[in-house]
Amino acid sequence: MESILNYNRNVFSIADSSLVLTADNIRFVNESIYTSETIEVNEQVVNEIYLSVIGQEQFQLGDDAINQLEDIAAQCPLAGGNAVFKARAILSLINDELDYNDINICLQAGILLRQIPKKPTARLYPNPTNNSVTLVYELPKGSPAELLLFNSTGMLQSKQLLNTEMTQMIFSTEHLTPGVYHYRINSHNEFQLNGKLVIIR
């Protein structure tokens, strides 16, 4: 039994030392690379910090390393490269409340990021309903919109103007007879959303 324990200790000792040796070899290669490009310099700095701290199984960063990571993390990813995200990931181990607004950061660097426009959404609940229904929606701000409610034969039964600064509206269905209705949300032909509403009594 004692020989098995000694064997295990030796195996773990070799594994630990080989991990350190591997990290040291990679650090040596990383340090031997010379570059003046921002993306490559960032990558080299972050790799060095990672290998000298986490690769050596030491989980404390010095002030100098933290300052270097903060400088890289505050860069626009398009200018600073993937190292920007790596620096942010390492810093999140220290403070997980850090937040970076890449649209503003890149704008300050003269890089305009495209924003993916949100698609308009809308849904009614409860559905089926009886006396009132809530419309939950997300529509482009400042664009007039209206909710149109049609009966099963296509006749307009109700028309409500929507405030696009809001995200929901409750309206009464007491004046409508039970049945299946179709609703449509229009906004000056910019978009159109459709759906069904079932009224039961």
C-alpha atoms as a PDB file:
ATOM      1  CA  MET A   1       0.000   0.000   0.000  1.00  0.00           C
ATOM      2  CA  GLU A   2       2.843   2.354   0.918  1.00  0.00           C
ATOM      3  CA  SER A   3       4.518   1.743  -2.435  1.00  0.00           C
ATOM      4  CA  ILE A   4       1.300   2.680  -4.294  1.00  0.00           C
ATOM      5  CA  LEU A   5       1.062   5.937  -2.321  1.00  0.00           C
ATOM      6  CA  ASN A   6       4.704   6.750  -3.096  1.00  0.00           C
ATOM      7  CA  TYR A   7       4.126   5.989  -6.762  1.00  0.00           C
ATOM      8  CA  ASN A   8       1.101   8.331  -6.822  1.00  0.00           C
ATOM      9  CA  ARG A   9       3.077  11.102  -5.112  1.00  0.00           C
ATOM     10  CA  ASN A  10       5.839  10.755  -7.719  1.00  0.00           C
ATOM     11  CA  VAL A  11       3.364  10.844 -10.596  1.00  0.00           C
ATOM     12  CA  PHE A  12       1.687  14.010  -9.250  1.00  0.00           C
ATOM     13  CA  SER A  13       5.059  15.634  -8.606  1.00  0.00           C
ATOM     14  CA  ILE A  14       6.165  14.958 -12.199  1.00  0.00           C
ATOM     15  CA  ALA A  15       2.837  16.249 -13.537  1.00  0.00           C
ATOM     16  CA  ASP A  16       3.149  19.465 -11.501  1.00  0.00           C
ATOM     17  CA  SER A  17       6.730  20.097 -12.581  1.00  0.00           C
ATOM     18  CA  SER A  18       5.955  19.341 -16.242  1.00  0.00           C
ATOM     19  CA  LEU A  19       3.075  21.843 -16.113  1.00  0.00           C
ATOM     20  CA  VAL A  20       5.470  24.521 -14.850  1.00  0.00           C
ATOM     21  CA  LEU A  21       8.135  23.530 -17.397  1.00  0.00           C
ATOM     22  CA  THR A  22       5.611  23.673 -20.238  1.00  0.00           C
ATOM     23  CA  ALA A  23       4.398  27.114 -19.125  1.00  0.00           C
ATOM     24  CA  ASP A  24       8.033  28.294 -18.858  1.00  0.00           C
ATOM     25  CA  ASN A  25       8.810  27.014 -22.382  1.00  0.00           C
ATOM     26  CA  ILE A  26       5.791  28.813 -23.824  1.00  0.00           C
ATOM     27  CA  ARG A  27       6.744  32.008 -21.951  1.00  0.00           C
ATOM     28  CA  PHE A  28      10.259  31.802 -23.442  1.00  0.00           C
ATOM     29  CA  VAL A  29       8.835  31.532 -26.975  1.00  0.00           C
ATOM     30  CA  ASN A  30       6.355  34.365 -26.261  1.00  0.00           C
ATOM     31  CA  GLU A  31       9.147  36.667 -25.008  1.00  0.00           C
ATOM     32  CA  SER A  32      11.322  35.980 -28.052  1.00  0.00           C
ATOM     33  CA  ILE A  33       8.704  37.366 -30.447  1.00  0.00           C
ATOM     34  CA  TYR A  34       9.317  40.994 -31.448  1.00  0.00           C
ATOM     35  CA  THR A  35       6.557  43.140 -32.859  1.00  0.00           C
ATOM     36  CA  SER A  36       5.359  46.729 -32.917  1.00  0.00           C
ATOM     37  CA  GLU A  37       1.764  46.138 -34.047  1.00  0.00           C
ATOM     38  CA  THR A  38      -0.831  46.936 -31.370  1.00  0.00           C
ATOM     39  CA  ILE A  39      -2.771  43.707 -31.800  1.00  0.00           C
ATOM     40  CA  GLU A  40       0.360  41.570 -31.551  1.00  0.00           C
ATOM     41  CA  VAL A  41       1.788  43.586 -28.629  1.00  0.00           C
ATOM     42  CA  ASN A  42      -1.505  43.184 -26.767  1.00  0.00           C
ATOM     43  CA  GLU A  43      -1.491  39.445 -27.429  1.00  0.00           C
ATOM     44  CA  GLN A  44       2.081  39.147 -26.196  1.00  0.00           C
ATOM     45  CA  VAL A  45       1.398  41.118 -22.992  1.00  0.00           C
ATOM     46  CA  VAL A  46      -1.750  39.166 -22.131  1.00  0.00           C
ATOM     47  CA  ASN A  47      -0.019  35.847 -22.885  1.00  0.00           C
ATOM     48  CA  GLU A  48       2.899  36.817 -20.636  1.00  0.00           C
ATOM     49  CA  ILE A  49       0.578  37.705 -17.752  1.00  0.00           C
ATOM     50  CA  TYR A  50      -1.469  34.558 -18.245  1.00  0.00           C
ATOM     51  CA  LEU A  51       1.583  32.265 -18.382  1.00  0.00           C
ATOM     52  CA  SER A  52       3.416  33.899 -15.467  1.00  0.00           C
ATOM     53  CA  VAL A  53       0.373  33.887 -13.192  1.00  0.00           C
ATOM     54  CA  ILE A  54      -2.300  31.384 -14.128  1.00  0.00           C
ATOM     55  CA  GLY A  55       0.050  29.063 -16.023  1.00  0.00           C
ATOM     56  CA  GLN A  56       2.206  28.859 -12.879  1.00  0.00           C
ATOM     57  CA  GLU A  57      -0.905  28.218 -10.764  1.00  0.00           C
ATOM     58  CA  GLN A  58      -0.502  31.524  -8.941  1.00  0.00           C
ATOM     59  CA  PHE A  59      -3.752  33.391  -8.802  1.00  0.00           C
ATOM     60  CA  GLN A  60      -2.611  36.802  -7.606  1.00  0.00           C
ATOM     61  CA  LEU A  61      -1.978  39.609 -10.063  1.00  0.00           C
ATOM     62  CA  GLY A  62       0.435  42.409  -9.259  1.00  0.00           C
ATOM     63  CA  ASP A  63      -0.494  46.076  -9.698  1.00  0.00           C
ATOM     64  CA  ASP A  64       1.645  46.338 -12.838  1.00  0.00           C
ATOM     65  CA  ALA A  65      -0.104  43.351 -14.447  1.00  0.00           C
ATOM     66  CA  ILE A  66      -3.538  44.711 -13.480  1.00  0.00           C
ATOM     67  CA  ASN A  67      -2.678  48.114 -14.996  1.00  0.00           C
ATOM     68  CA  GLN A  68      -1.512  46.483 -18.234  1.00  0.00           C
ATOM     69  CA  LEU A  69      -4.665  44.369 -18.445  1.00  0.00           C
ATOM     70  CA  GLU A  70      -6.883  47.398 -17.738  1.00  0.00           C
ATOM     71  CA  ASP A  71      -5.161  49.363 -20.516  1.00  0.00           C
ATOM     72  CA  ILE A  72      -5.758  46.544 -23.000  1.00  0.00           C
ATOM     73  CA  ALA A  73      -9.316  45.823 -21.804  1.00  0.00           C
ATOM     74  CA  ALA A  74     -10.261  49.480 -22.356  1.00  0.00           C
ATOM     75  CA  GLN A  75      -9.328  49.320 -26.067  1.00  0.00           C
ATOM     76  CA  CYS A  76     -11.691  48.874 -28.975  1.00  0.00           C
ATOM     77  CA  PRO A  77     -11.591  45.151 -29.871  1.00  0.00           C
ATOM     78  CA  LEU A  78     -11.316  45.990 -33.573  1.00  0.00           C
ATOM     79  CA  ALA A  79      -8.112  47.930 -32.910  1.00  0.00           C
ATOM     80  CA  GLY A  80      -6.742  45.863 -30.021  1.00  0.00           C
ATOM     81  CA  GLY A  81      -7.617  42.367 -31.222  1.00  0.00           C
ATOM     82  CA  ASN A  82      -8.700  39.270 -29.316  1.00  0.00           C
ATOM     83  CA  ALA A  83      -6.340  40.119 -26.470  1.00  0.00           C
ATOM     84  CA  VAL A  84      -8.872  42.777 -25.434  1.00  0.00           C
ATOM     85  CA  PHE A  85     -11.405  40.046 -24.645  1.00  0.00           C
ATOM     86  CA  LYS A  86      -8.748  37.900 -22.941  1.00  0.00           C
ATOM     87  CA  ALA A  87      -7.720  40.838 -20.739  1.00  0.00           C
ATOM     88  CA  ARG A  88     -11.352  41.439 -19.806  1.00  0.00           C
ATOM     89  CA  ALA A  89     -11.781  37.756 -18.963  1.00  0.00           C
ATOM     90  CA  ILE A  90      -8.742  37.750 -16.655  1.00  0.00           C
ATOM     91  CA  LEU A  91      -9.875  40.992 -14.981  1.00  0.00           C
ATOM     92  CA  SER A  92     -13.322  39.496 -14.414  1.00  0.00           C
ATOM     93  CA  LEU A  93     -11.635  36.999 -12.071  1.00  0.00           C
ATOM     94  CA  ILE A  94     -10.822  39.979  -9.842  1.00  0.00           C
ATOM     95  CA  ASN A  95     -13.965  42.061 -10.404  1.00  0.00           C
ATOM     96  CA  ASP A  96     -16.932  40.466 -12.167  1.00  0.00           C
ATOM     97  CA  GLU A  97     -18.853  43.773 -12.286  1.00  0.00           C
ATOM     98  CA  LEU A  98     -16.657  45.395 -14.935  1.00  0.00           C
ATOM     99  CA  ASP A  99     -18.632  46.521 -17.975  1.00  0.00           C
ATOM    100  CA  TYR A 100     -17.331  47.753 -21.331  1.00  0.00           C
ATOM    101  CA  ASN A 101     -19.408  49.693 -23.862  1.00  0.00           C
ATOM    102  CA  ASP A 102     -17.617  48.828 -27.097  1.00  0.00           C
ATOM    103  CA  ILE A 103     -19.807  51.150 -29.171  1.00  0.00           C
ATOM    104  CA  ASN A 104     -18.562  54.192 -27.210  1.00  0.00           C
ATOM    105  CA  ILE A 105     -15.004  52.868 -26.799  1.00  0.00           C
ATOM    106  CA  CYS A 106     -14.650  52.270 -30.547  1.00  0.00           C
ATOM    107  CA  LEU A 107     -16.307  55.602 -31.388  1.00  0.00           C
ATOM    108  CA  GLN A 108     -13.638  57.399 -29.327  1.00  0.00           C
ATOM    109  CA  ALA A 109     -11.021  55.524 -31.350  1.00  0.00           C
ATOM    110  CA  GLY A 110     -12.692  56.691 -34.575  1.00  0.00           C
ATOM    111  CA  ILE A 111     -14.258  53.317 -35.357  1.00  0.00           C
ATOM    112  CA  LEU A 112     -17.990  53.177 -35.916  1.00  0.00           C
ATOM    113  CA  LEU A 113     -19.563  49.861 -34.959  1.00  0.00           C
ATOM    114  CA  ARG A 114     -22.754  48.831 -36.675  1.00  0.00           C
ATOM    115  CA  GLN A 115     -25.615  48.164 -34.325  1.00  0.00           C
ATOM    116  CA  ILE A 116     -28.013  45.388 -35.153  1.00  0.00           C
ATOM    117  CA  PRO A 117     -31.446  46.975 -35.131  1.00  0.00           C
ATOM    118  CA  LYS A 118     -33.952  45.328 -32.843  1.00  0.00           C
ATOM    119  CA  LYS A 119     -36.840  43.699 -34.581  1.00  0.00           C
ATOM    120  CA  PRO A 120     -40.243  44.982 -33.521  1.00  0.00           C
ATOM    121  CA  THR A 121     -42.108  42.493 -31.348  1.00  0.00           C
ATOM    122  CA  ALA A 122     -45.631  42.309 -29.956  1.00  0.00           C
ATOM    123  CA  ARG A 123     -47.822  39.757 -28.202  1.00  0.00           C
ATOM    124  CA  LEU A 124     -51.162  39.723 -26.422  1.00  0.00           C
ATOM    125  CA  TYR A 125     -51.819  38.022 -23.114  1.00  0.00           C
ATOM    126  CA  PRO A 126     -53.774  36.385 -21.707  1.00  0.00           C
ATOM    127  CA  ASN A 127     -54.791  34.780 -24.948  1.00  0.00           C
ATOM    128  CA  PRO A 128     -57.564  33.517 -24.926  1.00  0.00           C
ATOM    129  CA  THR A 129     -59.000  36.350 -22.865  1.00  0.00           C
ATOM    130  CA  ASN A 130     -62.409  37.535 -21.708  1.00  0.00           C
ATOM    131  CA  ASN A 131     -62.740  41.180 -20.540  1.00  0.00           C
ATOM    132  CA  SER A 132     -59.308  42.739 -21.064  1.00  0.00           C
ATOM    133  CA  VAL A 133     -55.993  41.986 -22.696  1.00  0.00           C
ATOM    134  CA  THR A 134     -52.442  43.324 -22.345  1.00  0.00           C
ATOM    135  CA  LEU A 135     -50.349  44.106 -25.387  1.00  0.00           C
ATOM    136  CA  VAL A 136     -46.620  43.796 -24.677  1.00  0.00           C
ATOM    137  CA  TYR A 137     -44.537  45.358 -27.424  1.00  0.00           C
ATOM    138  CA  GLU A 138     -41.149  46.681 -28.381  1.00  0.00           C
ATOM    139  CA  LEU A 139     -41.350  49.099 -31.293  1.00  0.00           C
ATOM    140  CA  PRO A 140     -38.997  51.697 -32.792  1.00  0.00           C
ATOM    141  CA  LYS A 141     -39.078  54.819 -30.626  1.00  0.00           C
ATOM    142  CA  GLY A 142     -40.673  57.962 -32.009  1.00  0.00           C
ATOM    143  CA  SER A 143     -42.455  56.129 -34.797  1.00  0.00           C
ATOM    144  CA  PRO A 144     -46.270  56.403 -34.554  1.00  0.00           C
ATOM    145  CA  ALA A 145     -47.919  52.995 -34.417  1.00  0.00           C
ATOM    146  CA  GLU A 146     -51.440  51.639 -34.119  1.00  0.00           C
ATOM    147  CA  LEU A 147     -53.094  48.386 -33.156  1.00  0.00           C
ATOM    148  CA  LEU A 148     -55.912  47.291 -35.460  1.00  0.00           C
ATOM    149  CA  LEU A 149     -58.287  44.485 -34.447  1.00  0.00           C
ATOM    150  CA  PHE A 150     -60.345  42.680 -37.104  1.00  0.00           C
ATOM    151  CA  ASN A 151     -63.095  40.097 -36.713  1.00  0.00           C
ATOM    152  CA  SER A 152     -63.061  36.766 -38.579  1.00  0.00           C
ATOM    153  CA  THR A 153     -64.683  38.361 -41.672  1.00  0.00           C
ATOM    154  CA  GLY A 154     -62.004  41.085 -41.862  1.00  0.00           C
ATOM    155  CA  MET A 155     -64.107  44.000 -40.530  1.00  0.00           C
ATOM    156  CA  LEU A 156     -62.241  46.522 -38.369  1.00  0.00           C
ATOM    157  CA  GLN A 157     -63.518  46.249 -34.794  1.00  0.00           C
ATOM    158  CA  SER A 158     -61.043  48.343 -32.811  1.00  0.00           C
ATOM    159  CA  LYS A 159     -58.236  50.819 -33.399  1.00  0.00           C
ATOM    160  CA  GLN A 160     -55.759  51.864 -30.690  1.00  0.00           C
ATOM    161  CA  LEU A 161     -52.856  54.298 -31.005  1.00  0.00           C
ATOM    162  CA  LEU A 162     -49.669  52.995 -29.399  1.00  0.00           C
ATOM    163  CA  ASN A 163     -47.150  55.035 -27.456  1.00  0.00           C
ATOM    164  CA  THR A 164     -43.788  53.696 -28.650  1.00  0.00           C
ATOM    165  CA  GLU A 165     -42.088  55.123 -25.562  1.00  0.00           C
ATOM    166  CA  MET A 166     -44.018  52.525 -23.537  1.00  0.00           C
ATOM    167  CA  THR A 167     -43.699  48.732 -23.684  1.00  0.00           C
ATOM    168  CA  GLN A 168     -47.225  47.617 -22.792  1.00  0.00           C
ATOM    169  CA  MET A 169     -50.843  48.687 -22.912  1.00  0.00           C
ATOM    170  CA  ILE A 170     -54.016  47.178 -21.412  1.00  0.00           C
ATOM    171  CA  PHE A 171     -57.284  47.513 -23.307  1.00  0.00           C
ATOM    172  CA  SER A 172     -60.822  46.297 -22.764  1.00  0.00           C
ATOM    173  CA  THR A 173     -62.441  43.578 -24.871  1.00  0.00           C
ATOM    174  CA  GLU A 174     -65.855  43.742 -23.132  1.00  0.00           C
ATOM    175  CA  HIS A 175     -67.499  45.365 -26.178  1.00  0.00           C
ATOM    176  CA  LEU A 176     -66.360  42.523 -28.463  1.00  0.00           C
ATOM    177  CA  THR A 177     -68.305  39.314 -28.999  1.00  0.00           C
ATOM    178  CA  PRO A 178     -66.590  35.987 -28.321  1.00  0.00           C
ATOM    179  CA  GLY A 179     -64.636  34.608 -31.256  1.00  0.00           C
ATOM    180  CA  VAL A 180     -61.324  34.686 -33.084  1.00  0.00           C
ATOM    181  CA  TYR A 181     -59.894  38.092 -33.990  1.00  0.00           C
ATOM    182  CA  HIS A 182     -56.868  39.049 -36.015  1.00  0.00           C
ATOM    183  CA  TYR A 183     -54.681  41.934 -34.920  1.00  0.00           C
ATOM    184  CA  ARG A 184     -52.199  43.982 -36.889  1.00  0.00           C
ATOM    185  CA  ILE A 185     -49.728  46.593 -35.717  1.00  0.00           C
ATOM    186  CA  ASN A 186     -48.835  49.190 -38.334  1.00  0.00           C
ATOM    187  CA  SER A 187     -46.274  51.973 -38.329  1.00  0.00           C
ATOM    188  CA  HIS A 188     -46.396  54.104 -41.482  1.00  0.00           C
ATOM    189  CA  ASN A 189     -45.575  51.012 -43.542  1.00  0.00           C
ATOM    190  CA  GLU A 190     -42.191  50.678 -41.803  1.00  0.00           C
ATOM    191  CA  PHE A 191     -43.202  47.376 -40.254  1.00  0.00           C
ATOM    192  CA  GLN A 192     -46.260  45.248 -39.741  1.00  0.00           C
ATOM    193  CA  LEU A 193     -46.891  42.675 -37.028  1.00  0.00           C
ATOM    194  CA  ASN A 194     -49.771  40.212 -37.146  1.00  0.00           C
ATOM    195  CA  GLY A 195     -51.352  37.748 -34.768  1.00  0.00           C
ATOM    196  CA  LYS A 196     -54.557  36.224 -33.398  1.00  0.00           C
ATOM    197  CA  LEU A 197     -56.633  36.983 -30.346  1.00  0.00           C
ATOM    198  CA  VAL A 198     -59.302  34.640 -29.001  1.00  0.00           C
ATOM    199  CA  ILE A 199     -62.088  36.052 -26.852  1.00  0.00           C
ATOM    200  CA  ILE A 200     -64.150  33.687 -24.701  1.00  0.00           C
ATOM    201  CA  ARG A 201     -66.894  34.337 -22.133  1.00  0.00           C
END
